[in-house]
C-alpha atoms as a PDB file:
ATOM      1  CA  MET A   1      78.394  86.327 159.852  1.00  0.00           C
ATOM      2  CA  LYS A   2      77.900  82.765 158.735  1.00  0.00           C
ATOM      3  CA  ILE A   3      78.487  82.368 155.013  1.00  0.00           C
ATOM      4  CA  SER A   4      76.366  79.267 154.432  1.00  0.00           C
ATOM      5  CA  GLY A   5      72.709  78.448 154.900  1.00  0.00           C
ATOM      6  CA  ASN A   6      71.510  81.928 153.929  1.00  0.00           C
ATOM      7  CA  THR A   7      68.995  83.121 151.352  1.00  0.00           C
ATOM      8  CA  VAL A   8      70.590  85.967 149.405  1.00  0.00           C
ATOM      9  CA  LEU A   9      69.232  88.537 146.962  1.00  0.00           C
ATOM     10  CA  ILE A  10      71.839  90.160 144.684  1.00  0.00           C
ATOM     11  CA  THR A  11      70.883  93.094 142.486  1.00  0.00           C
ATOM     12  CA  GLY A  12      72.724  93.287 139.179  1.00  0.00           C
ATOM     13  CA  GLY A  13      73.633  89.656 139.665  1.00  0.00           C
ATOM     14  CA  ALA A  14      73.787  88.385 136.093  1.00  0.00           C
ATOM     15  CA  THR A  15      77.274  89.667 135.247  1.00  0.00           C
ATOM     16  CA  GLY A  16      80.479  90.976 136.786  1.00  0.00           C
ATOM     17  CA  ILE A  17      80.845  91.198 140.552  1.00  0.00           C
ATOM     18  CA  GLY A  18      77.222  90.198 141.135  1.00  0.00           C
ATOM     19  CA  PHE A  19      77.549  86.964 139.191  1.00  0.00           C
ATOM     20  CA  SER A  20      80.852  86.091 140.875  1.00  0.00           C
ATOM     21  CA  LEU A  21      79.227  86.663 144.266  1.00  0.00           C
ATOM     22  CA  ALA A  22      76.314  84.436 143.265  1.00  0.00           C
ATOM     23  CA  GLU A  23      78.671  81.705 142.100  1.00  0.00           C
ATOM     24  CA  GLN A  24      80.743  81.696 145.285  1.00  0.00           C
ATOM     25  CA  LEU A  25      77.736  81.988 147.591  1.00  0.00           C
ATOM     26  CA  ILE A  26      76.075  79.000 145.928  1.00  0.00           C
ATOM     27  CA  LYS A  27      79.282  76.990 146.297  1.00  0.00           C
ATOM     28  CA  ALA A  28      79.326  77.938 149.983  1.00  0.00           C
ATOM     29  CA  GLY A  29      75.839  76.462 150.464  1.00  0.00           C
ATOM     30  CA  ASN A  30      73.471  79.415 150.111  1.00  0.00           C
ATOM     31  CA  GLU A  31      70.234  79.891 148.181  1.00  0.00           C
ATOM     32  CA  VAL A  32      70.754  82.778 145.758  1.00  0.00           C
ATOM     33  CA  ILE A  33      68.332  85.052 143.918  1.00  0.00           C
ATOM     34  CA  ILE A  34      69.561  87.551 141.352  1.00  0.00           C
ATOM     35  CA  CYS A  35      67.791  90.329 139.515  1.00  0.00           C
ATOM     36  CA  GLY A  36      68.682  92.449 136.519  1.00  0.00           C
ATOM     37  CA  ARG A  37      67.161  94.569 133.767  1.00  0.00           C
ATOM     38  CA  ARG A  38      67.987  92.296 130.817  1.00  0.00           C
ATOM     39  CA  ARG A  39      66.050  89.051 130.505  1.00  0.00           C
ATOM     40  CA  ALA A  40      68.522  87.547 128.026  1.00  0.00           C
ATOM     41  CA  THR A  41      71.436  88.149 130.367  1.00  0.00           C
ATOM     42  CA  LEU A  42      69.559  86.556 133.261  1.00  0.00           C
ATOM     43  CA  ILE A  43      68.770  83.503 131.123  1.00  0.00           C
ATOM     44  CA  GLU A  44      72.438  83.205 130.176  1.00  0.00           C
ATOM     45  CA  ALA A  45      73.463  83.473 133.848  1.00  0.00           C
ATOM     46  CA  LYS A  46      70.998  80.742 134.832  1.00  0.00           C
ATOM     47  CA  THR A  47      72.389  78.371 132.211  1.00  0.00           C
ATOM     48  CA  LYS A  48      75.731  78.684 134.014  1.00  0.00           C
ATOM     49  CA  LEU A  49      74.216  78.368 137.509  1.00  0.00           C
ATOM     50  CA  PRO A  50      70.941  76.429 137.113  1.00  0.00           C
ATOM     51  CA  GLN A  51      70.237  76.360 140.856  1.00  0.00           C
ATOM     52  CA  MET A  52      70.063  80.157 140.944  1.00  0.00           C
ATOM     53  CA  HIS A  53      66.709  81.992 140.953  1.00  0.00           C
ATOM     54  CA  THR A  54      66.257  84.977 138.633  1.00  0.00           C
ATOM     55  CA  LYS A  55      63.893  87.927 138.351  1.00  0.00           C
ATOM     56  CA  VAL A  56      63.718  90.677 135.751  1.00  0.00           C
ATOM     57  CA  CYS A  57      63.769  93.985 137.604  1.00  0.00           C
ATOM     58  CA  ASP A  58      64.918  97.531 136.860  1.00  0.00           C
ATOM     59  CA  VAL A  59      65.927  98.625 140.354  1.00  0.00           C
ATOM     60  CA  SER A  60      65.815 102.278 139.295  1.00  0.00           C
ATOM     61  CA  ASP A  61      62.021 101.957 138.798  1.00  0.00           C
ATOM     62  CA  PRO A  62      59.960 102.354 142.013  1.00  0.00           C
ATOM     63  CA  LYS A  63      57.262  99.978 140.727  1.00  0.00           C
ATOM     64  CA  ASP A  64      59.846  97.320 139.892  1.00  0.00           C
ATOM     65  CA  ARG A  65      61.448  97.669 143.329  1.00  0.00           C
ATOM     66  CA  ASP A  66      58.080  97.176 145.000  1.00  0.00           C
ATOM     67  CA  ALA A  67      57.272  94.175 142.804  1.00  0.00           C
ATOM     68  CA  LEU A  68      60.684  92.626 143.495  1.00  0.00           C
ATOM     69  CA  HIS A  69      60.208  92.968 147.244  1.00  0.00           C
ATOM     70  CA  ARG A  70      56.729  91.416 147.159  1.00  0.00           C
ATOM     71  CA  TRP A  71      57.917  88.524 144.942  1.00  0.00           C
ATOM     72  CA  VAL A  72      60.939  87.749 147.106  1.00  0.00           C
ATOM     73  CA  VAL A  73      59.139  87.774 150.460  1.00  0.00           C
ATOM     74  CA  SER A  74      56.283  85.690 149.018  1.00  0.00           C
ATOM     75  CA  ASN A  75      58.541  83.016 147.560  1.00  0.00           C
ATOM     76  CA  PHE A  76      61.604  82.983 149.832  1.00  0.00           C
ATOM     77  CA  LYS A  77      60.560  83.082 153.477  1.00  0.00           C
ATOM     78  CA  GLY A  78      64.151  82.678 154.654  1.00  0.00           C
ATOM     79  CA  ILE A  79      65.503  85.747 152.859  1.00  0.00           C
ATOM     80  CA  ASN A  80      68.107  87.261 155.156  1.00  0.00           C
ATOM     81  CA  ILE A  81      70.795  88.931 153.026  1.00  0.00           C
ATOM     82  CA  LEU A  82      70.478  91.776 150.526  1.00  0.00           C
ATOM     83  CA  ILE A  83      73.497  92.672 148.386  1.00  0.00           C
ATOM     84  CA  ASN A  84      73.012  96.069 146.732  1.00  0.00           C
ATOM     85  CA  ASN A  85      75.340  95.556 143.797  1.00  0.00           C
ATOM     86  CA  ALA A  86      73.569  96.997 140.717  1.00  0.00           C
ATOM     87  CA  GLY A  87      75.299 100.014 139.241  1.00  0.00           C
ATOM     88  CA  ILE A  88      76.266 101.938 136.129  1.00  0.00           C
ATOM     89  CA  GLN A  89      79.170 104.271 135.420  1.00  0.00           C
ATOM     90  CA  ARG A  90      79.145 107.126 132.915  1.00  0.00           C
ATOM     91  CA  MET A  91      81.712 109.636 131.722  1.00  0.00           C
ATOM     92  CA  ILE A  92      79.917 112.991 131.996  1.00  0.00           C
ATOM     93  CA  ASP A  93      81.172 116.407 130.900  1.00  0.00           C
ATOM     94  CA  LEU A  94      78.832 118.884 132.552  1.00  0.00           C
ATOM     95  CA  LYS A  95      79.920 121.596 130.156  1.00  0.00           C
ATOM     96  CA  GLY A  96      77.500 119.809 127.832  1.00  0.00           C
ATOM     97  CA  GLY A  97      74.564 120.747 130.036  1.00  0.00           C
ATOM     98  CA  ILE A  98      71.490 118.790 131.001  1.00  0.00           C
ATOM     99  CA  LYS A  99      71.677 116.407 128.029  1.00  0.00           C
ATOM    100  CA  GLU A 100      74.764 114.821 129.561  1.00  0.00           C
ATOM    101  CA  LEU A 101      72.766 113.758 132.617  1.00  0.00           C
ATOM    102  CA  SER A 102      69.927 112.149 130.695  1.00  0.00           C
ATOM    103  CA  ARG A 103      72.160 110.100 128.398  1.00  0.00           C
ATOM    104  CA  ASN A 104      72.439 106.328 128.904  1.00  0.00           C
ATOM    105  CA  GLY A 105      70.668 105.886 132.211  1.00  0.00           C
ATOM    106  CA  ASN A 106      70.343 107.633 135.536  1.00  0.00           C
ATOM    107  CA  GLU A 107      73.262 106.837 137.843  1.00  0.00           C
ATOM    108  CA  VAL A 108      71.553 108.379 140.867  1.00  0.00           C
ATOM    109  CA  ASP A 109      68.482 106.153 140.567  1.00  0.00           C
ATOM    110  CA  ILE A 110      70.376 102.944 139.806  1.00  0.00           C
ATOM    111  CA  ASN A 111      73.415 103.366 142.047  1.00  0.00           C
ATOM    112  CA  LEU A 112      71.983 105.238 145.022  1.00  0.00           C
ATOM    113  CA  SER A 113      68.183 105.389 145.183  1.00  0.00           C
ATOM    114  CA  ALA A 114      67.856 101.649 144.614  1.00  0.00           C
ATOM    115  CA  THR A 115      70.266 100.929 147.472  1.00  0.00           C
ATOM    116  CA  ILE A 116      68.359 103.171 149.867  1.00  0.00           C
ATOM    117  CA  TYR A 117      64.880 102.001 148.935  1.00  0.00           C
ATOM    118  CA  LEU A 118      65.633  98.281 148.754  1.00  0.00           C
ATOM    119  CA  SER A 119      67.333  98.481 152.153  1.00  0.00           C
ATOM    120  CA  ALA A 120      64.201 100.112 153.560  1.00  0.00           C
ATOM    121  CA  TYR A 121      61.978  97.474 151.960  1.00  0.00           C
ATOM    122  CA  PHE A 122      63.860  94.526 153.437  1.00  0.00           C
ATOM    123  CA  ILE A 123      64.828  95.835 156.890  1.00  0.00           C
ATOM    124  CA  PRO A 124      61.414  94.970 158.463  1.00  0.00           C
ATOM    125  CA  VAL A 125      61.706  91.448 157.013  1.00  0.00           C
ATOM    126  CA  PHE A 126      65.282  91.030 158.206  1.00  0.00           C
ATOM    127  CA  LEU A 127      64.463  92.189 161.738  1.00  0.00           C
ATOM    128  CA  ARG A 128      62.430  89.002 162.126  1.00  0.00           C
ATOM    129  CA  GLN A 129      65.403  86.817 161.188  1.00  0.00           C
ATOM    130  CA  LYS A 130      67.894  85.443 163.700  1.00  0.00           C
ATOM    131  CA  GLU A 131      70.795  86.749 161.601  1.00  0.00           C
ATOM    132  CA  ALA A 132      70.683  89.037 158.571  1.00  0.00           C
ATOM    133  CA  ALA A 133      72.857  91.397 156.560  1.00  0.00           C
ATOM    134  CA  ILE A 134      72.697  94.292 154.130  1.00  0.00           C
ATOM    135  CA  VAL A 135      75.753  94.581 151.891  1.00  0.00           C
ATOM    136  CA  ASN A 136      76.369  97.795 149.975  1.00  0.00           C
ATOM    137  CA  MET A 137      78.911  97.873 147.156  1.00  0.00           C
ATOM    138  CA  SER A 138      80.623 101.248 147.101  1.00  0.00           C
ATOM    139  CA  SER A 139      83.942 102.075 145.397  1.00  0.00           C
ATOM    140  CA  GLY A 140      87.375 103.484 146.014  1.00  0.00           C
ATOM    141  CA  LEU A 141      86.158 106.354 143.810  1.00  0.00           C
ATOM    142  CA  GLY A 142      83.644 107.239 146.495  1.00  0.00           C
ATOM    143  CA  PHE A 143      86.621 108.327 148.597  1.00  0.00           C
ATOM    144  CA  ILE A 144      88.806 110.012 145.944  1.00  0.00           C
ATOM    145  CA  PRO A 145      86.796 110.907 142.817  1.00  0.00           C
ATOM    146  CA  LEU A 146      87.754 110.935 139.170  1.00  0.00           C
ATOM    147  CA  ALA A 147      86.451 114.240 137.819  1.00  0.00           C
ATOM    148  CA  PHE A 148      85.284 112.748 134.509  1.00  0.00           C
ATOM    149  CA  LEU A 149      82.958 110.398 136.465  1.00  0.00           C
ATOM    150  CA  PRO A 150      81.302 113.046 138.655  1.00  0.00           C
ATOM    151  CA  VAL A 151      77.913 111.458 139.248  1.00  0.00           C
ATOM    152  CA  TYR A 152      79.196 107.909 139.666  1.00  0.00           C
ATOM    153  CA  CYS A 153      81.741 109.039 142.263  1.00  0.00           C
ATOM    154  CA  ALA A 154      79.126 111.127 144.058  1.00  0.00           C
ATOM    155  CA  THR A 155      76.719 108.185 144.293  1.00  0.00           C
ATOM    156  CA  LYS A 156      79.431 105.956 145.731  1.00  0.00           C
ATOM    157  CA  ALA A 157      80.397 108.612 148.286  1.00  0.00           C
ATOM    158  CA  ALA A 158      76.729 108.826 149.244  1.00  0.00           C
ATOM    159  CA  ILE A 159      76.524 105.035 149.604  1.00  0.00           C
ATOM    160  CA  HIS A 160      79.478 105.181 152.007  1.00  0.00           C
ATOM    161  CA  SER A 161      77.728 107.847 154.087  1.00  0.00           C
ATOM    162  CA  PHE A 162      74.384 106.011 153.979  1.00  0.00           C
ATOM    163  CA  THR A 163      76.022 102.763 155.059  1.00  0.00           C
ATOM    164  CA  ILE A 164      77.614 104.395 158.106  1.00  0.00           C
ATOM    165  CA  SER A 165      74.245 105.784 159.220  1.00  0.00           C
ATOM    166  CA  LEU A 166      72.414 102.540 158.506  1.00  0.00           C
ATOM    167  CA  ARG A 167      74.968 100.535 160.463  1.00  0.00           C
ATOM    168  CA  HIS A 168      74.502 102.877 163.427  1.00  0.00           C
ATOM    169  CA  GLN A 169      70.707 102.658 163.298  1.00  0.00           C
ATOM    170  CA  LEU A 170      70.797  98.855 163.163  1.00  0.00           C
ATOM    171  CA  ARG A 171      73.632  98.357 165.654  1.00  0.00           C
ATOM    172  CA  ASN A 172      71.431  96.710 168.316  1.00  0.00           C
ATOM    173  CA  THR A 173      69.494  94.476 165.924  1.00  0.00           C
ATOM    174  CA  SER A 174      70.064  91.166 164.156  1.00  0.00           C
ATOM    175  CA  ILE A 175      71.065  92.985 160.938  1.00  0.00           C
ATOM    176  CA  LYS A 176      74.740  93.494 160.117  1.00  0.00           C
ATOM    177  CA  VAL A 177      75.638  96.196 157.601  1.00  0.00           C
ATOM    178  CA  PHE A 178      78.669  95.737 155.338  1.00  0.00           C
ATOM    179  CA  GLU A 179      80.359  98.058 152.888  1.00  0.00           C
ATOM    180  CA  ILE A 180      82.573  96.421 150.269  1.00  0.00           C
ATOM    181  CA  ILE A 181      84.928  98.890 148.573  1.00  0.00           C
ATOM    182  CA  PRO A 182      86.371  97.534 145.312  1.00  0.00           C
ATOM    183  CA  PRO A 183      89.080  99.138 143.175  1.00  0.00           C
ATOM    184  CA  ALA A 184      88.730  99.162 139.374  1.00  0.00           C
ATOM    185  CA  VAL A 185      87.234  95.826 138.308  1.00  0.00           C
ATOM    186  CA  ASP A 186      87.212  94.308 134.829  1.00  0.00           C
ATOM    187  CA  THR A 187      83.461  94.317 134.154  1.00  0.00           C
ATOM    188  CA  GLU A 188      81.055  95.899 131.672  1.00  0.00           C
ATOM    189  CA  LEU A 189      80.228  98.634 134.215  1.00  0.00           C
ATOM    190  CA  ASP A 190      81.554 101.494 132.069  1.00  0.00           C
ATOM    191  CA  LYS A 191      80.274 100.111 128.736  1.00  0.00           C
ATOM    192  CA  GLY A 192      83.682 100.211 127.074  1.00  0.00           C
ATOM    193  CA  ALA A 193      84.746 103.677 128.232  1.00  0.00           C
ATOM    194  CA  ARG A 194      88.098 102.352 129.466  1.00  0.00           C
ATOM    195  CA  ASP A 195      88.869 101.107 125.968  1.00  0.00           C
ATOM    196  CA  ARG A 196      87.923 104.473 124.480  1.00  0.00           C
ATOM    197  CA  ARG A 197      90.235 106.205 126.950  1.00  0.00           C
ATOM    198  CA  GLY A 198      93.066 103.865 125.970  1.00  0.00           C
ATOM    199  CA  GLN A 199      93.223 102.462 129.511  1.00  0.00           C
ATOM    200  CA  THR A 200      95.298  99.290 129.360  1.00  0.00           C
ATOM    201  CA  HIS A 201      94.665  98.097 132.936  1.00  0.00           C
ATOM    202  CA  LYS A 202      90.983  97.192 133.152  1.00  0.00           C
ATOM    203  CA  GLY A 203      91.068  96.256 136.829  1.00  0.00           C
ATOM    204  CA  ILE A 204      91.066  93.115 138.908  1.00  0.00           C
ATOM    205  CA  GLN A 205      88.794  90.162 138.167  1.00  0.00           C
ATOM    206  CA  PRO A 206      85.268  90.083 139.666  1.00  0.00           C
ATOM    207  CA  SER A 207      86.098  86.759 141.317  1.00  0.00           C
ATOM    208  CA  GLU A 208      88.758  88.517 143.418  1.00  0.00           C
ATOM    209  CA  VAL A 209      86.146  90.934 144.729  1.00  0.00           C
ATOM    210  CA  ALA A 210      83.747  88.098 145.535  1.00  0.00           C
ATOM    211  CA  THR A 211      86.415  86.113 147.387  1.00  0.00           C
ATOM    212  CA  SER A 212      87.401  89.156 149.441  1.00  0.00           C
ATOM    213  CA  ALA A 213      83.763  89.990 150.170  1.00  0.00           C
ATOM    214  CA  LEU A 214      83.040  86.516 151.545  1.00  0.00           C
ATOM    215  CA  LYS A 215      86.087  86.796 153.817  1.00  0.00           C
ATOM    216  CA  ALA A 216      84.777  90.135 155.064  1.00  0.00           C
ATOM    217  CA  PHE A 217      81.367  88.604 155.807  1.00  0.00           C
ATOM    218  CA  GLU A 218      82.878  85.645 157.636  1.00  0.00           C
ATOM    219  CA  ASN A 219      85.127  87.861 159.766  1.00  0.00           C
ATOM    220  CA  ASP A 220      82.554  90.623 160.389  1.00  0.00           C
ATOM    221  CA  GLU A 221      84.767  93.244 158.744  1.00  0.00           C
ATOM    222  CA  PHE A 222      82.047  95.793 158.125  1.00  0.00           C
ATOM    223  CA  GLU A 223      84.060  98.269 156.027  1.00  0.00           C
ATOM    224  CA  TYR A 224      86.305  96.316 153.699  1.00  0.00           C
ATOM    225  CA  ALA A 225      88.486  97.907 151.013  1.00  0.00           C
ATOM    226  CA  ILE A 226      90.059  95.664 148.382  1.00  0.00           C
ATOM    227  CA  GLY A 227      93.405  96.076 146.650  1.00  0.00           C
ATOM    228  CA  MET A 228      94.167  99.588 145.416  1.00  0.00           C
ATOM    229  CA  ALA A 229      90.958 100.882 146.986  1.00  0.00           C
ATOM    230  CA  LYS A 230      92.759 100.686 150.324  1.00  0.00           C
ATOM    231  CA  ASN A 231      95.079 103.464 149.110  1.00  0.00           C
ATOM    232  CA  LEU A 232      92.141 105.678 148.151  1.00  0.00           C
ATOM    233  CA  VAL A 233      90.455 105.194 151.515  1.00  0.00           C
ATOM    234  CA  MET A 234      93.730 105.978 153.279  1.00  0.00           C
ATOM    235  CA  GLY A 235      94.323 108.997 151.034  1.00  0.00           C
ATOM    236  CA  ALA A 236      90.855 110.384 151.687  1.00  0.00           C
ATOM    237  CA  ARG A 237      91.578 110.290 155.408  1.00  0.00           C
ATOM    238  CA  SER A 238      95.133 111.630 155.302  1.00  0.00           C
ATOM    239  CA  ASN A 239      95.687 113.989 152.357  1.00  0.00           C
ATOM    240  CA  PRO A 240      92.581 114.126 150.145  1.00  0.00           C
ATOM    241  CA  GLU A 241      93.580 117.219 148.142  1.00  0.00           C
ATOM    242  CA  GLN A 242      96.915 115.742 147.068  1.00  0.00           C
ATOM    243  CA  PHE A 243      95.415 112.370 146.237  1.00  0.00           C
ATOM    244  CA  PHE A 244      92.720 114.075 144.163  1.00  0.00           C
ATOM    245  CA  GLU A 245      95.310 116.080 142.236  1.00  0.00           C
ATOM    246  CA  ASN A 246      97.380 112.973 141.570  1.00  0.00           C
ATOM    247  CA  MET A 247      94.314 111.058 140.346  1.00  0.00           C
ATOM    248  CA  ASN A 248      93.139 113.813 138.040  1.00  0.00           C
ATOM    249  CA  GLN A 249      96.337 115.064 136.386  1.00  0.00           C
END
């Protein structure tokens, strides 16, 4: 996959991994569009990267997804890469019942449904392009879950499965399908939960993920695990029960 001369849409692109991807893709010579739920955060991101295009969008909302798709295809005829990056992570104790699931956002809608629906929206557009790509950000925790993050881990496992099927369906088309599998990354994803748990290692820097992702694109490495996530992928395929027990002691 060429890593310059593309028009790229990144969901959740104002902070963390999404912003680092935007920064490196712009430096590589791409036109970049980002979307996010918070207008103030998008404005702040644009002050750092003025050449970037921004759009307020809650990707968990079907109406917002439809509006985003119509706005992008109307204004950026060359759109050829979608990076499904938006996500949230919540500690959930299901002994607390249904209230636990409705607190602080719906991980299924943001992490999983948005990825599926936005892929479906843009595939017909991308099929008309000479070269295109869909990039899904999963997680090492989609392979070996942490039990106190049950929904987050489940959505990332589902993204892995969805990506495999999507890649197979699009195998004879112009669309390449990538899965980037990060380890823990030092972002605001968990809204401070690592601090509350007393976790001293917050993860690698978002820029490391972005650098690795661009290498994966350039080399057509369609399933690319980064850092410690490689161990989780390997563990899931060799001894998942033992790896799970070790992770959740």
